[in-house]
Protein backbone atom coordinates (compact mmCIF):
# COMPACT_ATOMS: atom_id res chain seq x y z
CA MET A 1 -69.59 56.92 0.25
CA ARG A 2 -67.30 57.17 3.57
CA ASN A 3 -67.22 53.53 3.81
CA ALA A 4 -66.00 53.16 0.22
CA ILE A 5 -63.24 55.97 0.87
CA ARG A 6 -62.21 53.86 4.05
CA LEU A 7 -62.01 50.75 2.01
CA LEU A 8 -60.09 52.36 -0.71
CA CYS A 9 -57.63 53.72 1.92
CA VAL A 10 -57.19 50.43 3.59
CA SER A 11 -56.64 48.77 0.34
CA ALA A 12 -53.93 51.39 -0.65
CA LEU A 13 -52.22 51.02 2.84
CA CYS A 14 -52.20 47.24 2.54
CA GLY A 15 -50.69 47.26 -0.97
CA ALA A 16 -48.15 49.86 0.12
CA LEU A 17 -47.12 47.49 3.16
CA THR A 18 -47.12 44.64 0.58
CA GLY A 19 -44.83 46.59 -1.74
CA CYS A 20 -42.51 47.28 0.97
CA ALA A 21 -42.13 43.76 2.32
CA ALA A 22 -41.72 42.49 -1.16
CA THR A 23 -38.91 45.27 -1.76
CA TYR A 24 -37.02 44.25 1.23
CA THR A 25 -37.22 40.64 0.37
CA ALA A 26 -35.70 41.54 -3.05
CA LEU A 27 -33.08 43.53 -1.88
CA SER A 28 -32.02 41.61 1.46
CA LYS A 29 -31.95 38.32 -0.71
CA LYS A 30 -30.70 39.29 -3.98
CA ASP A 31 -27.36 37.43 -3.42
CA LEU A 32 -27.45 33.41 -3.17
CA ASP A 33 -26.70 32.32 0.49
CA VAL A 34 -25.72 28.56 1.01
CA GLN A 35 -25.08 27.01 4.28
CA SER A 36 -23.96 23.41 5.51
CA ARG A 37 -24.38 21.78 8.92
CA THR A 38 -23.60 18.54 10.31
CA SER A 39 -25.60 16.54 12.89
CA THR A 40 -22.49 14.98 14.49
CA ALA A 41 -19.03 15.56 14.35
CA ILE A 42 -16.77 12.77 13.03
CA PHE A 43 -13.05 12.28 13.91
CA VAL A 44 -11.59 9.53 12.10
CA ASP A 45 -8.30 8.13 13.58
CA PRO A 46 -5.01 9.23 12.14
CA VAL A 47 -3.25 6.83 9.94
CA ALA A 48 0.22 6.60 8.03
CA ARG A 49 0.51 8.72 4.72
CA ASP A 50 0.53 5.57 2.75
CA ARG A 51 -2.99 4.33 4.23
CA ARG A 52 -4.60 7.58 3.65
CA THR A 53 -7.04 6.27 0.90
CA ILE A 54 -10.71 6.55 0.69
CA TYR A 55 -13.11 4.76 -1.57
CA LEU A 56 -16.12 6.93 -2.35
CA ASP A 57 -19.64 5.70 -3.18
CA VAL A 58 -22.47 8.08 -3.78
CA LYS A 59 -25.85 6.90 -3.94
CA SER A 60 -29.42 8.47 -4.31
CA GLY A 61 -32.96 8.01 -5.02
CA VAL A 62 -33.63 11.55 -6.01
CA MET A 63 -34.01 12.12 -9.89
CA GLU A 64 -32.89 15.66 -9.85
CA PHE A 65 -29.51 14.67 -8.11
CA ASP A 66 -26.61 14.54 -10.38
CA ARG A 67 -24.47 11.81 -8.76
CA ARG A 68 -21.39 12.41 -11.24
CA ALA A 69 -21.25 15.92 -10.81
CA PHE A 70 -21.48 15.58 -6.83
CA LYS A 71 -18.79 12.79 -6.97
CA GLN A 72 -16.61 15.12 -8.98
CA PHE A 73 -16.84 17.98 -6.57
CA VAL A 74 -16.01 15.69 -3.40
CA LYS A 75 -12.88 14.53 -5.31
CA GLU A 76 -11.91 18.21 -6.06
CA GLN A 77 -11.96 18.86 -2.29
CA PHE A 78 -9.57 16.03 -1.45
CA THR A 79 -7.19 16.69 -4.20
CA GLN A 80 -7.12 20.43 -4.37
CA PHE A 81 -8.23 21.66 -0.74
CA ASN A 82 -7.42 19.00 1.64
CA ASP A 83 -3.97 19.19 2.92
CA ASN A 84 -3.68 16.13 4.97
CA GLY A 85 -2.73 13.83 1.79
CA TYR A 86 -5.81 11.93 1.47
CA GLN A 87 -6.76 10.52 -1.66
CA ILE A 88 -9.97 9.13 -3.54
CA VAL A 89 -9.19 5.47 -4.97
CA ASP A 90 -11.46 3.32 -6.99
CA ASP A 91 -10.48 -0.09 -5.23
CA PRO A 92 -12.55 -0.76 -2.16
CA GLU A 93 -10.17 -3.44 -1.15
CA ALA A 94 -7.02 -1.31 -1.02
CA ALA A 95 -8.83 1.55 0.74
CA GLN A 96 -8.30 2.23 4.27
CA PHE A 97 -11.57 4.09 4.42
CA LEU A 98 -14.96 3.45 2.79
CA MET A 99 -17.28 6.52 2.59
CA VAL A 100 -20.99 6.06 1.47
CA ALA A 101 -22.97 9.40 0.96
CA TYR A 102 -26.66 8.83 0.27
CA VAL A 103 -28.71 11.83 -0.76
CA LEU A 104 -32.21 11.62 0.46
CA ASN A 105 -33.66 14.79 -0.52
CA LEU A 106 -32.88 17.81 -3.02
CA GLU A 107 -35.92 20.05 -3.41
CA LYS A 108 -37.62 23.05 -2.33
CA ALA A 109 -38.21 23.59 1.31
CA SER A 110 -39.31 25.69 4.03
CA PRO A 111 -37.15 28.13 6.04
CA THR A 112 -37.29 25.56 8.96
CA ALA A 113 -36.70 22.61 6.78
CA ALA A 114 -33.13 22.32 7.28
CA GLU A 115 -33.17 22.52 11.07
CA GLN A 116 -36.03 19.69 11.20
CA ALA A 117 -33.89 17.55 8.79
CA LEU A 118 -30.67 17.98 10.78
CA GLY A 119 -32.54 17.04 14.03
CA LYS A 120 -33.28 13.84 12.82
CA GLY A 121 -29.77 12.83 12.40
CA TYR A 122 -28.42 10.10 10.41
CA MET A 123 -31.12 7.38 8.95
CA GLY A 124 -29.24 5.79 6.26
CA GLY A 125 -30.00 4.77 2.74
CA ALA A 126 -31.26 1.38 3.50
CA VAL A 127 -34.40 2.61 5.47
CA VAL A 128 -35.63 4.94 2.63
CA ALA A 129 -37.10 1.72 0.73
CA GLY A 130 -39.02 1.10 3.83
CA ALA A 131 -40.75 3.04 6.27
CA VAL A 132 -38.57 5.98 6.34
CA ALA A 133 -39.35 6.70 2.72
CA GLY A 134 -42.84 7.43 3.64
CA SER A 135 -41.90 9.30 6.70
CA LEU A 136 -39.43 11.34 4.85
CA ALA A 137 -42.10 12.18 2.14
CA SER A 138 -44.73 13.17 4.53
CA ASN A 139 -42.05 15.18 7.01
CA THR A 140 -40.56 17.04 4.05
CA ARG A 141 -43.60 17.84 1.99
CA ALA A 142 -46.47 17.98 4.33
CA GLY A 143 -44.01 18.83 7.77
CA VAL A 144 -41.08 20.36 6.61
CA LEU A 145 -42.09 21.95 3.61
CA GLY A 146 -45.31 22.94 5.35
CA GLY A 147 -43.38 24.57 8.02
CA GLY A 148 -44.04 27.67 6.07
CA LEU A 149 -44.92 28.20 2.40
CA VAL A 150 -42.62 26.14 0.24
CA ALA A 151 -41.09 29.37 -1.40
CA GLY A 152 -41.40 31.12 1.81
CA GLY A 153 -44.25 33.48 0.47
CA ALA A 154 -44.94 35.49 -2.66
CA GLU A 155 -45.33 39.05 -3.27
CA PHE A 156 -45.43 41.43 -6.18
CA ILE A 157 -43.32 44.52 -7.15
CA GLY A 158 -44.34 46.49 -10.17
CA GLY A 159 -46.43 43.37 -11.46
CA ALA A 160 -43.10 41.09 -11.13
CA LEU A 161 -43.59 38.09 -8.72
CA VAL A 162 -41.20 37.83 -5.84
CA LYS A 163 -40.47 34.47 -4.18
CA ASP A 164 -38.25 33.84 -1.38
CA VAL A 165 -37.10 30.55 -2.47
CA TYR A 166 -35.33 27.78 -0.33
CA TYR A 167 -33.73 24.60 -1.47
CA MET A 168 -32.44 21.69 0.65
CA LEU A 169 -29.86 18.87 0.34
CA VAL A 170 -30.07 16.11 2.96
CA CYS A 171 -27.02 13.44 2.83
CA ASP A 172 -26.53 10.81 5.24
CA ILE A 173 -22.82 9.78 5.54
CA GLN A 174 -21.47 6.40 6.66
CA ILE A 175 -17.59 5.98 7.00
CA LYS A 176 -15.95 2.66 7.64
CA GLU A 177 -12.50 2.61 8.86
CA ARG A 178 -10.15 -0.64 8.85
CA ALA A 179 -9.22 -1.25 12.33
CA ALA A 180 -5.61 -1.74 13.33
CA LYS A 181 -4.04 -5.40 13.34
CA GLY A 182 -5.30 -7.45 16.13
CA VAL A 183 -8.38 -5.22 16.89
CA MET A 184 -11.93 -6.60 16.38
CA VAL A 185 -14.90 -4.56 16.41
CA ARG A 186 -18.25 -5.91 17.61
CA LYS A 187 -21.52 -4.21 16.26
CA ASP A 188 -25.06 -4.72 17.86
CA THR A 189 -28.02 -3.86 15.96
CA SER A 190 -31.72 -3.51 16.56
CA VAL A 191 -34.21 -3.76 13.71
CA VAL A 192 -38.05 -3.02 14.10
CA ALA A 193 -40.08 -3.46 11.03
CA LYS A 194 -43.67 -3.11 10.42
CA VAL A 195 -45.16 -6.45 9.16
CA SER A 196 -48.73 -5.27 9.11
CA ASP A 197 -51.34 -2.27 10.16
CA VAL A 198 -51.53 -3.75 13.65
CA GLY A 199 -47.97 -5.38 14.23
CA THR A 200 -44.23 -5.05 14.09
CA SER A 201 -41.36 -7.54 13.92
CA SER A 202 -38.16 -6.86 15.92
CA GLN A 203 -34.76 -8.49 15.39
CA SER A 204 -31.12 -7.96 17.01
CA VAL A 205 -28.16 -8.68 15.35
CA SER A 206 -24.69 -9.03 16.41
CA GLU A 207 -21.61 -9.14 14.43
CA VAL A 208 -17.84 -8.94 14.50
CA SER A 209 -15.66 -7.15 11.82
CA ASP A 210 -12.44 -5.34 11.30
CA GLN A 211 -14.04 -2.11 10.37
CA LYS A 212 -15.04 0.78 12.79
CA GLU A 213 -18.15 2.79 11.74
CA TYR A 214 -18.87 6.72 11.82
CA ARG A 215 -22.44 8.04 10.78
CA THR A 216 -23.63 11.63 10.44
CA ARG A 217 -26.05 13.72 8.35
CA ILE A 218 -25.18 16.75 6.43
CA VAL A 219 -28.02 19.12 5.60
CA THR A 220 -27.31 22.07 3.02
CA HIS A 221 -29.62 24.68 2.04
CA ALA A 222 -29.76 27.59 -0.41
CA ASN A 223 -31.90 30.85 -0.30
CA LYS A 224 -32.38 33.41 -2.79
CA VAL A 225 -35.06 35.61 -4.30
CA ASN A 226 -36.71 33.43 -7.27
CA LEU A 227 -33.94 30.82 -6.85
CA LYS A 228 -33.83 27.99 -9.47
CA LEU A 229 -32.37 24.43 -8.59
CA GLU A 230 -29.85 24.86 -11.55
CA ASP A 231 -28.41 28.15 -9.91
CA ALA A 232 -28.32 26.69 -6.47
CA GLN A 233 -27.11 23.24 -7.13
CA GLU A 234 -23.18 23.61 -7.80
CA GLN A 235 -22.89 25.66 -4.48
CA MET A 236 -24.71 23.20 -2.74
CA PHE A 237 -22.71 20.37 -3.84
CA LYS A 238 -19.49 22.16 -3.12
CA LYS A 239 -20.72 22.97 0.44
CA THR A 240 -21.38 19.53 1.17
CA ALA A 241 -18.29 18.10 -0.31
CA TYR A 242 -16.36 20.52 1.77
CA ALA A 243 -17.85 19.12 4.88
CA MET A 244 -17.39 15.55 3.69
CA ALA A 245 -13.51 16.43 3.41
CA GLY A 246 -13.50 18.00 6.86
CA PHE A 247 -13.75 14.84 8.39
CA PHE A 248 -10.29 13.66 7.47
């Protein structure tokens, strides 16, 4: 009888503690929190006002990512909130800057996912089709998402499920700037590719062009109780676009 009473007391105490934790989560994270961070700061060279033109190319292999909506948010940041006079143009040949944004991830994540993704830095869209595709899949779902529970834990308040949900957007940015007349830019690239289970192939490429390159990664994460992607996506797009406009 005593053991039964003790068991009931322990169960009641555990239930009370769980309820308190769930209540705290529901109250402290009732409002949407969206944060963006950049792996490396980019400082483009100042140019005359008539050359403050940017050609924007948005790429992604993520089905849930709305490229058209994201591109529109970026354009709005330049036309409405950037006071330096930069404009998005449709002709890459006429633009002083070419900016490519490649979205690698837009999905649920653990609280530590953004930090891990930011630490990897720029990886580029081209590698997604190769070795990094598998790396990102395993790191994001098994490692990054596995850094905690995907939803950060689930508890109940009065029979209602309370989830601490995080979403993460990972965007790699490459900016090319036309160099001044008479300036040539040399670029040296080393590529290591896996050719079999037991071997790799390496190659080095040197090229000369009239464009300087800048590369960085923007990681944006959103957090709220019982958060759904459609409720977080607009603010995540705005924050990421704001960071992109800040490079100019």
